[in-house]
C-alpha cells in the first residue's frame, strides 16, 4: 500500500486535477480509495488534495452523503471529523434512503466500547493506553507515534488494543460533533434519530440495568446540546422527546428492574450467610474462653488477633453489603434512578461482598492455624493456599464485572 501512495503522489504531482476527475456516477478517486483500497494513508492523501471544485463537487454534491457513510463504515473517524469541520452541513445531510450519520452509526455497535466485548486483562490495558485524536500529523504526534511503535514491536497485542480504543474514542467524538450541529436539524428529525440510535443498541451491554443507565446518560447529554425550549416540542405523533424515549425503553426498564432484583437477591443470600457465620464465630472463638476470667484462651496469640480483626471486618462489610442490596430490592425503579442511585448501590454492595468473602477466608485460615499449629507446624501454609481458592474463583467470576461497572461509572461521571 505504501508503493500505491507513492504512485498516487507522483501522478498528482504531474497533474493535480486528477483528484477532481469523476466517472459516469460522479464518483471521484477519493470515494474509490475508501471502497477499494481501504488504505487509510491513501484516503488521507486524496482527501487533503481533493477540493470541492469542478462538476463533481465531492463535498457538497450528490455523492457527499455517500462519501461520509463510506468513511464511517471504514472506521476512518478522524478523517470524517476533519471533513465535517471543513463542511459542517455534512453533519446533517441525508442520503438517498433518508439516513443521516446517526442512522449509519446506529448500525455499527461494535465501533463503540459498549458494543465491543473485551476480555478483562485487555480491558485493563484498554483503559491505561493513552489515545489522542490527531486530525492531521504534527511533530508532537510524530515522536509520540515513534514511541508507541517501539512498544508495539515489543508487545504486538498492544497495537490491536490501541487501535480498538482509537476507533471507539473517535466514534464517540464524531457523535458529539454531529450533535453540536443539531441546531440545523428540525426537532422531530433530530430527536427521532437519537431515539433510533440508542434503541438500536439495546443488546450492546449484557446487563440491562447498566444498558438503561447508558441510554439515559446519552439522552441527558443530547438534551444539554439542544435548546431548552425544544424540550416541550412535540413530533408528528404529538409526543415530546422524553415521552418517545420512555415508550421506546419500556421493555429495557423492566429487564433492568428484574436484573437488579435477581442480582440483589443472589448476593444478599451470600451476604446473609457470611454475616451469620462471622457473628457466630465472634462469640464462639477458637479454643474457647478461660473459665475463670471469661477471656479467650488464645488472646495473646498474634494469629488470634488476625482472626478477630478479619472476622469483624467480614461481619461489618457483609452487613453493609446486605443493606445495599436491601435498598435496591425495596427501592423505587424510576428511569432517573438508573443513572446514579441504583448502579452506585450495586457497586458498593458487590465491593463490600467481595471484601467480606476475602476477610472471611482469612479468619477461617487463622482459626485453623491456631488449632493445628502445635500438632502440625506446616499446617498454616496449605491452609492459606486452600483458603485462596474460593477467593480467587470469586474474584475471577465477579471482579471483572465489578471493575467494568466501576470504570463505566467513573467515565460517565467525568462527562
Protein backbone atom coordinates (compact mmCIF):
# COMPACT_ATOMS: atom_id res chain seq x y z
CA UNK A 1 0.00 0.00 0.00
CA UNK A 2 2.95 2.32 0.62
CA UNK A 3 4.01 1.98 -3.02
CA UNK A 4 0.47 2.80 -4.14
CA UNK A 5 0.52 6.04 -2.14
CA UNK A 6 3.87 6.97 -3.69
CA UNK A 7 2.48 6.28 -7.14
CA UNK A 8 -0.58 8.42 -6.40
CA UNK A 9 1.62 11.27 -5.20
CA UNK A 10 3.69 11.06 -8.38
CA UNK A 11 0.60 11.17 -10.60
CA UNK A 12 -0.94 14.09 -8.71
CA UNK A 13 2.35 15.97 -8.82
CA UNK A 14 2.29 15.80 -12.63
CA UNK A 15 -1.44 16.51 -12.96
CA UNK A 16 -3.12 17.99 -9.83
CA UNK A 17 -6.55 17.88 -11.49
CA UNK A 18 -6.60 14.07 -11.36
CA UNK A 19 -8.14 14.19 -7.87
CA UNK A 20 -11.16 16.00 -9.32
CA UNK A 21 -11.86 13.55 -12.16
CA UNK A 22 -15.27 11.86 -11.94
CA UNK A 23 -16.77 8.80 -13.62
CA UNK A 24 -20.27 8.41 -15.02
CA UNK A 25 -21.62 8.07 -11.44
CA UNK A 26 -20.00 11.30 -10.35
CA UNK A 27 -17.55 9.49 -8.07
CA UNK A 28 -14.05 10.88 -7.51
CA UNK A 29 -10.87 8.86 -6.78
CA UNK A 30 -11.41 9.67 -3.09
CA UNK A 31 -14.59 7.58 -2.93
CA UNK A 32 -12.97 4.66 -4.76
CA UNK A 33 -9.98 4.78 -2.42
CA UNK A 34 -12.35 4.19 0.52
CA UNK A 35 -14.26 1.35 -1.14
CA UNK A 36 -11.39 -0.38 -2.93
CA UNK A 37 -8.05 0.01 -1.15
CA UNK A 38 -9.18 0.57 2.46
CA UNK A 39 -5.72 2.13 2.85
CA UNK A 40 -6.03 4.98 5.32
CA UNK A 41 -2.86 6.69 4.11
CA UNK A 42 -4.21 6.73 0.57
CA UNK A 43 -7.60 8.03 1.71
CA UNK A 44 -5.98 10.72 3.83
CA UNK A 45 -3.70 11.84 1.00
CA UNK A 46 -6.53 12.06 -1.54
CA UNK A 47 -8.74 13.83 1.00
CA UNK A 48 -6.12 16.50 1.61
CA UNK A 49 -5.62 17.01 -2.13
CA UNK A 50 -9.26 16.97 -3.21
CA UNK A 51 -11.23 20.21 -3.37
CA UNK A 52 -14.92 20.92 -3.76
CA UNK A 53 -14.38 22.45 -7.18
CA UNK A 54 -15.39 21.13 -10.56
CA UNK A 55 -18.56 19.44 -11.76
CA UNK A 56 -18.27 16.56 -9.28
CA UNK A 57 -18.26 18.72 -6.13
CA UNK A 58 -17.36 15.70 -3.91
CA UNK A 59 -18.03 17.52 -0.62
CA UNK A 60 -21.29 19.26 -1.45
CA UNK A 61 -22.66 17.37 -4.45
CA UNK A 62 -24.87 14.32 -4.71
CA UNK A 63 -22.07 11.93 -3.72
CA UNK A 64 -21.15 13.78 -0.50
CA UNK A 65 -23.52 11.79 1.74
CA UNK A 66 -22.22 8.51 0.32
CA UNK A 67 -18.64 9.62 0.97
CA UNK A 68 -19.46 10.29 4.63
CA UNK A 69 -21.21 6.92 5.02
CA UNK A 70 -18.29 5.07 3.42
CA UNK A 71 -15.75 6.78 5.68
CA UNK A 72 -17.79 5.82 8.75
CA UNK A 73 -18.20 2.20 7.66
CA UNK A 74 -14.44 2.00 7.07
CA UNK A 75 -13.78 3.32 10.58
CA UNK A 76 -11.93 6.43 9.37
CA UNK A 77 -13.50 8.65 12.02
CA UNK A 78 -10.64 11.13 12.27
CA UNK A 79 -10.90 11.88 8.55
CA UNK A 80 -14.68 12.10 8.86
CA UNK A 81 -14.41 14.63 11.69
CA UNK A 82 -11.94 16.73 9.73
CA UNK A 83 -14.36 16.61 6.80
CA UNK A 84 -17.27 17.74 8.99
CA UNK A 85 -15.20 20.57 10.40
CA UNK A 86 -14.49 21.82 6.89
CA UNK A 87 -18.06 21.26 5.68
CA UNK A 88 -20.45 21.41 8.69
CA UNK A 89 -23.51 20.87 6.51
CA UNK A 90 -22.46 17.23 6.01
CA UNK A 91 -23.21 16.52 9.68
CA UNK A 92 -26.94 16.68 8.99
CA UNK A 93 -27.15 15.69 5.34
CA UNK A 94 -29.17 12.58 4.46
CA UNK A 95 -28.57 10.06 1.70
CA UNK A 96 -30.98 8.69 -0.89
CA UNK A 97 -32.53 6.42 1.78
CA UNK A 98 -33.14 9.32 4.16
CA UNK A 99 -30.42 8.15 6.57
CA UNK A 100 -28.17 10.61 8.37
CA UNK A 101 -24.90 9.96 10.21
CA UNK A 102 -26.72 8.87 13.37
CA UNK A 103 -28.54 6.16 11.43
CA UNK A 104 -25.28 4.89 9.95
CA UNK A 105 -23.60 4.81 13.37
CA UNK A 106 -26.57 3.00 14.92
CA UNK A 107 -25.84 0.05 12.64
CA UNK A 108 -22.24 -0.19 13.85
CA UNK A 109 -22.46 -1.04 17.59
CA UNK A 110 -19.05 -2.75 17.52
CA UNK A 111 -17.45 0.63 16.77
CA UNK A 112 -18.31 1.70 20.34
CA UNK A 113 -16.94 0.34 23.61
CA UNK A 114 -20.42 -0.60 24.83
CA UNK A 115 -20.88 -2.89 21.84
CA UNK A 116 -17.41 -4.43 21.84
CA UNK A 117 -16.65 -7.36 24.13
CA UNK A 118 -13.16 -7.09 25.63
CA UNK A 119 -11.57 -9.60 27.99
CA UNK A 120 -10.72 -8.49 31.49
CA UNK A 121 -6.96 -8.04 31.09
CA UNK A 122 -7.32 -6.42 27.69
CA UNK A 123 -9.90 -4.10 29.21
CA UNK A 124 -7.38 -3.10 31.89
CA UNK A 125 -4.83 -2.30 29.16
CA UNK A 126 -7.57 -0.58 27.19
CA UNK A 127 -8.21 1.96 29.96
CA UNK A 128 -4.47 2.54 30.52
CA UNK A 129 -3.47 3.13 26.91
CA UNK A 130 -3.49 6.89 26.16
CA UNK A 131 -5.19 7.91 22.94
CA UNK A 132 -5.18 11.38 21.43
CA UNK A 133 -7.06 12.24 18.29
CA UNK A 134 -4.95 13.89 15.63
CA UNK A 135 -6.83 15.03 12.58
CA UNK A 136 -3.56 15.95 10.87
CA UNK A 137 0.02 14.78 11.51
CA UNK A 138 2.15 17.02 13.76
CA UNK A 139 5.67 16.97 15.14
CA UNK A 140 4.43 16.02 18.61
CA UNK A 141 2.34 13.21 17.16
CA UNK A 142 5.34 12.01 15.15
CA UNK A 143 7.55 11.45 18.21
CA UNK A 144 4.64 10.00 20.20
CA UNK A 145 3.88 7.55 17.41
CA UNK A 146 7.54 6.55 17.29
CA UNK A 147 7.42 5.67 20.99
CA UNK A 148 4.23 3.65 20.62
CA UNK A 149 5.59 1.88 17.55
CA UNK A 150 8.56 0.74 19.64
CA UNK A 151 6.28 -0.53 22.41
CA UNK A 152 4.00 -2.24 19.91
CA UNK A 153 7.01 -4.01 18.42
CA UNK A 154 7.80 -5.49 21.83
CA UNK A 155 4.13 -6.23 22.61
CA UNK A 156 2.24 -6.86 19.33
CA UNK A 157 -1.15 -7.21 21.04
CA UNK A 158 -0.81 -3.65 22.31
CA UNK A 159 -1.36 -2.31 18.79
CA UNK A 160 -4.69 -4.10 18.46
CA UNK A 161 -5.93 -2.73 21.79
CA UNK A 162 -4.75 0.80 20.98
CA UNK A 163 -6.33 0.75 17.52
CA UNK A 164 -9.59 -0.50 19.01
CA UNK A 165 -9.63 2.25 21.62
CA UNK A 166 -8.79 4.87 19.00
CA UNK A 167 -11.75 3.74 16.89
CA UNK A 168 -14.09 3.82 19.89
CA UNK A 169 -12.95 7.26 21.07
CA UNK A 170 -13.15 8.63 17.53
CA UNK A 171 -16.68 7.27 17.12
CA UNK A 172 -17.86 8.99 20.30
CA UNK A 173 -16.18 12.25 19.26
CA UNK A 174 -17.90 12.00 15.90
CA UNK A 175 -21.29 11.62 17.58
CA UNK A 176 -20.56 14.65 19.76
CA UNK A 177 -19.58 16.64 16.68
CA UNK A 178 -22.82 15.68 14.94
CA UNK A 179 -24.84 16.69 18.00
CA UNK A 180 -23.09 20.07 18.05
CA UNK A 181 -24.59 20.67 14.60
CA UNK A 182 -28.04 19.54 15.77
CA UNK A 183 -29.46 23.06 15.68
CA UNK A 184 -29.61 22.82 11.87
CA UNK A 185 -31.96 19.82 12.09
CA UNK A 186 -35.68 20.13 12.59
CA UNK A 187 -36.68 18.94 16.07
CA UNK A 188 -38.54 15.81 15.10
CA UNK A 189 -35.78 14.51 12.86
CA UNK A 190 -33.08 15.17 15.42
CA UNK A 191 -34.80 13.51 18.37
CA UNK A 192 -36.12 10.65 16.27
CA UNK A 193 -32.58 9.97 15.05
CA UNK A 194 -31.30 9.99 18.61
CA UNK A 195 -34.01 7.64 19.89
CA UNK A 196 -33.40 5.31 16.96
CA UNK A 197 -29.72 5.18 17.73
CA UNK A 198 -29.98 4.42 21.44
CA UNK A 199 -32.84 1.96 20.92
CA UNK A 200 -30.84 0.06 18.32
CA UNK A 201 -28.09 -0.68 20.86
CA UNK A 202 -30.37 -2.40 23.39
CA UNK A 203 -28.28 -5.58 23.19
CA UNK A 204 -24.86 -3.93 23.27
CA UNK A 205 -24.46 -4.30 27.05
CA UNK A 206 -25.13 -7.65 28.69
CA UNK A 207 -26.51 -6.03 31.85
CA UNK A 208 -29.91 -4.46 31.16
CA UNK A 209 -29.65 -2.14 34.17
CA UNK A 210 -26.37 -0.62 33.04
CA UNK A 211 -27.65 -0.50 29.48
CA UNK A 212 -30.55 1.61 30.76
CA UNK A 213 -28.05 3.82 32.57
CA UNK A 214 -26.07 4.29 29.36
CA UNK A 215 -29.18 5.17 27.35
CA UNK A 216 -30.28 7.76 29.93
CA UNK A 217 -26.81 9.24 30.01
CA UNK A 218 -26.86 9.67 26.24
CA UNK A 219 -30.29 11.27 26.39
CA UNK A 220 -29.22 13.77 29.04
CA UNK A 221 -26.06 14.67 27.09
CA UNK A 222 -28.04 15.32 23.92
CA UNK A 223 -30.62 17.28 25.88
CA UNK A 224 -27.88 19.63 27.06
CA UNK A 225 -26.92 20.39 23.47
CA UNK A 226 -30.44 21.20 22.36
CA UNK A 227 -32.20 24.48 23.10
CA UNK A 228 -34.19 24.37 26.39
CA UNK A 229 -37.35 25.48 24.59
CA UNK A 230 -37.19 22.38 22.39
CA UNK A 231 -37.80 20.01 25.33
CA UNK A 232 -41.54 20.51 25.09
CA UNK A 233 -41.71 20.46 21.29
CA UNK A 234 -43.84 17.57 20.03
CA UNK A 235 -43.33 15.40 16.97
CA UNK A 236 -45.88 14.41 14.33
CA UNK A 237 -47.49 11.99 16.81
CA UNK A 238 -47.97 14.71 19.43
CA UNK A 239 -45.24 13.37 21.74
CA UNK A 240 -42.22 15.08 23.27
CA UNK A 241 -38.71 13.64 23.07
CA UNK A 242 -38.91 12.37 26.67
CA UNK A 243 -42.24 10.65 26.02
CA UNK A 244 -40.83 8.95 22.94
CA UNK A 245 -37.77 7.86 24.92
CA UNK A 246 -39.90 6.33 27.70
CA UNK A 247 -42.04 4.42 25.22
CA UNK A 248 -39.00 3.08 23.38
CA UNK A 249 -37.43 1.85 26.63
CA UNK A 250 -40.34 0.26 28.49
CA UNK A 251 -39.03 -3.25 27.87
CA UNK A 252 -35.46 -2.31 28.77
CA UNK A 253 -36.66 -0.69 32.01
CA UNK A 254 -38.49 -3.87 33.02
CA UNK A 255 -35.48 -6.03 32.14
CA UNK A 256 -33.20 -3.75 34.15
CA UNK A 257 -35.54 -3.88 37.13
CA UNK A 258 -35.69 -7.70 37.05
CA UNK A 259 -31.92 -7.98 36.62
CA UNK A 260 -31.30 -5.69 39.59
CA UNK A 261 -33.66 -7.65 41.82
CA UNK A 262 -32.33 -11.07 40.78
CA UNK A 263 -28.72 -10.00 41.29
CA UNK A 264 -29.51 -8.38 44.64
CA UNK A 265 -31.36 -11.47 45.89
CA UNK A 266 -28.47 -13.77 44.99
CA UNK A 267 -25.83 -11.52 46.53
CA UNK A 268 -27.98 -10.84 49.59
CA UNK A 269 -28.17 -14.59 50.29
CA UNK A 270 -24.37 -14.83 50.32
CA UNK A 271 -24.05 -11.71 52.47
CA UNK A 272 -26.58 -13.10 54.97
CA UNK A 273 -24.68 -16.39 55.27
CA UNK A 274 -21.38 -14.58 55.84
CA UNK A 275 -22.93 -12.26 58.44
CA UNK A 276 -24.42 -15.25 60.31
CA UNK A 277 -21.20 -17.26 60.29
CA UNK A 278 -18.92 -14.38 61.29
CA UNK A 279 -21.26 -13.30 64.10
CA UNK A 280 -21.30 -16.85 65.50
CA UNK A 281 -17.52 -17.11 65.15
CA UNK A 282 -17.02 -13.90 67.13
CA UNK A 283 -18.98 -15.37 70.07
CA UNK A 284 -17.60 -18.92 69.96
CA UNK A 285 -13.93 -18.11 69.38
CA UNK A 286 -11.43 -20.90 68.51
CA UNK A 287 -10.08 -22.67 71.61
CA UNK A 288 -12.86 -21.37 73.84
CA UNK A 289 -12.65 -18.98 76.80
CA UNK A 290 -10.88 -19.10 80.13
CA UNK A 291 -13.47 -20.34 82.65
CA UNK A 292 -12.13 -18.14 85.44
CA UNK A 293 -11.73 -14.83 83.59
CA UNK A 294 -14.00 -15.43 80.58
CA UNK A 295 -11.42 -14.17 78.11
CA UNK A 296 -10.31 -16.15 75.03
CA UNK A 297 -7.52 -18.65 75.65
CA UNK A 298 -5.60 -17.56 72.53
CA UNK A 299 -5.95 -13.84 73.30
CA UNK A 300 -2.18 -13.31 73.47
CA UNK A 301 -1.60 -15.16 70.19
CA UNK A 302 -0.90 -12.93 67.15
CA UNK A 303 -2.85 -15.32 64.95
CA UNK A 304 -5.88 -14.80 67.17
CA UNK A 305 -5.70 -11.05 66.60
CA UNK A 306 -5.63 -11.70 62.86
CA UNK A 307 -8.68 -13.92 63.25
CA UNK A 308 -10.73 -11.49 65.32
CA UNK A 309 -9.91 -8.45 63.15
CA UNK A 310 -10.67 -10.24 59.88
CA UNK A 311 -13.84 -11.72 61.37
CA UNK A 312 -15.03 -8.27 62.48
CA UNK A 313 -14.25 -6.77 59.08
CA UNK A 314 -16.12 -9.60 57.38
CA UNK A 315 -19.15 -9.04 59.62
CA UNK A 316 -19.24 -5.29 59.07
CA UNK A 317 -18.70 -5.47 55.31
CA UNK A 318 -21.32 -8.21 54.89
CA UNK A 319 -23.82 -6.07 56.80
CA UNK A 320 -23.03 -3.10 54.56
CA UNK A 321 -23.49 -5.32 51.53
CA UNK A 322 -26.76 -6.66 52.93
CA UNK A 323 -28.12 -3.14 53.50
CA UNK A 324 -27.13 -2.03 49.99
CA UNK A 325 -28.92 -4.95 48.36
CA UNK A 326 -31.98 -4.46 50.57
CA UNK A 327 -32.16 -0.82 49.49
CA UNK A 328 -32.06 -1.96 45.86
CA UNK A 329 -34.82 -4.54 46.29
CA UNK A 330 -37.17 -2.22 48.16
CA UNK A 331 -36.18 0.98 46.37
CA UNK A 332 -38.01 2.67 43.52
CA UNK A 333 -37.17 1.93 39.90
CA UNK A 334 -37.78 5.21 38.11
CA UNK A 335 -35.79 5.79 34.94
CA UNK A 336 -33.73 8.52 36.59
CA UNK A 337 -32.60 6.11 39.35
CA UNK A 338 -30.73 4.00 36.80
CA UNK A 339 -28.31 6.88 36.15
CA UNK A 340 -26.60 7.08 39.56
CA UNK A 341 -28.55 5.73 42.54
CA UNK A 342 -29.10 2.07 41.60
CA UNK A 343 -25.71 1.46 39.90
CA UNK A 344 -23.86 3.07 42.81
CA UNK A 345 -25.69 0.91 45.36
CA UNK A 346 -24.99 -2.21 43.33
CA UNK A 347 -21.29 -1.40 43.03
CA UNK A 348 -20.97 -0.65 46.76
CA UNK A 349 -22.84 -3.84 47.62
CA UNK A 350 -20.71 -6.02 45.36
CA UNK A 351 -17.47 -4.40 46.54
CA UNK A 352 -18.44 -4.93 50.19
CA UNK A 353 -19.43 -8.53 49.46
CA UNK A 354 -16.14 -9.21 47.71
CA UNK A 355 -14.26 -7.80 50.70
CA UNK A 356 -16.40 -9.88 53.08
CA UNK A 357 -15.60 -13.11 51.23
CA UNK A 358 -11.87 -12.38 51.37
CA UNK A 359 -11.79 -11.48 55.06
CA UNK A 360 -13.97 -14.48 55.94
CA UNK A 361 -11.44 -16.85 54.38
CA UNK A 362 -8.64 -15.07 56.23
CA UNK A 363 -10.49 -15.57 59.51
CA UNK A 364 -11.10 -19.22 58.65
CA UNK A 365 -7.43 -19.79 57.84
CA UNK A 366 -6.30 -18.06 61.03
CA UNK A 367 -8.68 -20.17 63.15
CA UNK A 368 -7.40 -23.45 61.69
CA UNK A 369 -3.79 -22.33 62.10
CA UNK A 370 -4.32 -21.67 65.82
CA UNK A 371 -5.86 -25.09 66.36
CA UNK A 372 -3.31 -27.08 64.36
CA UNK A 373 -0.03 -25.20 64.65
CA UNK A 374 1.15 -27.14 67.73
CA UNK A 375 0.48 -30.55 66.17
CA UNK A 376 1.21 -29.68 62.54
CA UNK A 377 3.76 -26.90 62.22
CA UNK A 378 3.46 -26.87 58.43
CA UNK A 379 -0.37 -26.59 58.55
CA UNK A 380 -0.65 -22.79 58.00
CA UNK A 381 0.91 -23.00 54.52
CA UNK A 382 -1.57 -25.41 52.86
CA UNK A 383 -4.43 -23.80 54.78
CA UNK A 384 -3.52 -20.38 53.39
CA UNK A 385 -3.23 -21.80 49.87
CA UNK A 386 -6.57 -23.61 50.08
CA UNK A 387 -8.25 -20.51 51.51
CA UNK A 388 -7.13 -18.60 48.43
CA UNK A 389 -9.03 -20.95 46.10
CA UNK A 390 -12.61 -19.72 46.76
CA UNK A 391 -11.44 -16.11 46.94
CA UNK A 392 -9.66 -16.48 43.61
CA UNK A 393 -12.67 -18.14 41.98
CA UNK A 394 -15.00 -15.44 43.26
CA UNK A 395 -12.60 -12.74 42.06
CA UNK A 396 -12.26 -14.35 38.64
CA UNK A 397 -16.03 -14.62 38.19
CA UNK A 398 -17.20 -11.35 39.74
CA UNK A 399 -14.31 -8.89 39.88
CA UNK A 400 -14.09 -8.25 36.10
CA UNK A 401 -17.77 -7.27 36.06
CA UNK A 402 -17.31 -5.12 39.16
CA UNK A 403 -14.22 -3.48 37.67
CA UNK A 404 -16.06 -2.75 34.43
CA UNK A 405 -19.02 -1.21 36.26
CA UNK A 406 -16.73 1.00 38.36
CA UNK A 407 -14.87 2.21 35.26
CA UNK A 408 -18.16 2.93 33.49
CA UNK A 409 -19.36 4.94 36.48
CA UNK A 410 -16.10 6.91 36.56
CA UNK A 411 -16.22 7.62 32.83
CA UNK A 412 -19.86 8.72 32.90
CA UNK A 413 -19.25 10.79 36.00
CA UNK A 414 -16.37 12.64 34.36
CA UNK A 415 -18.51 13.74 31.43
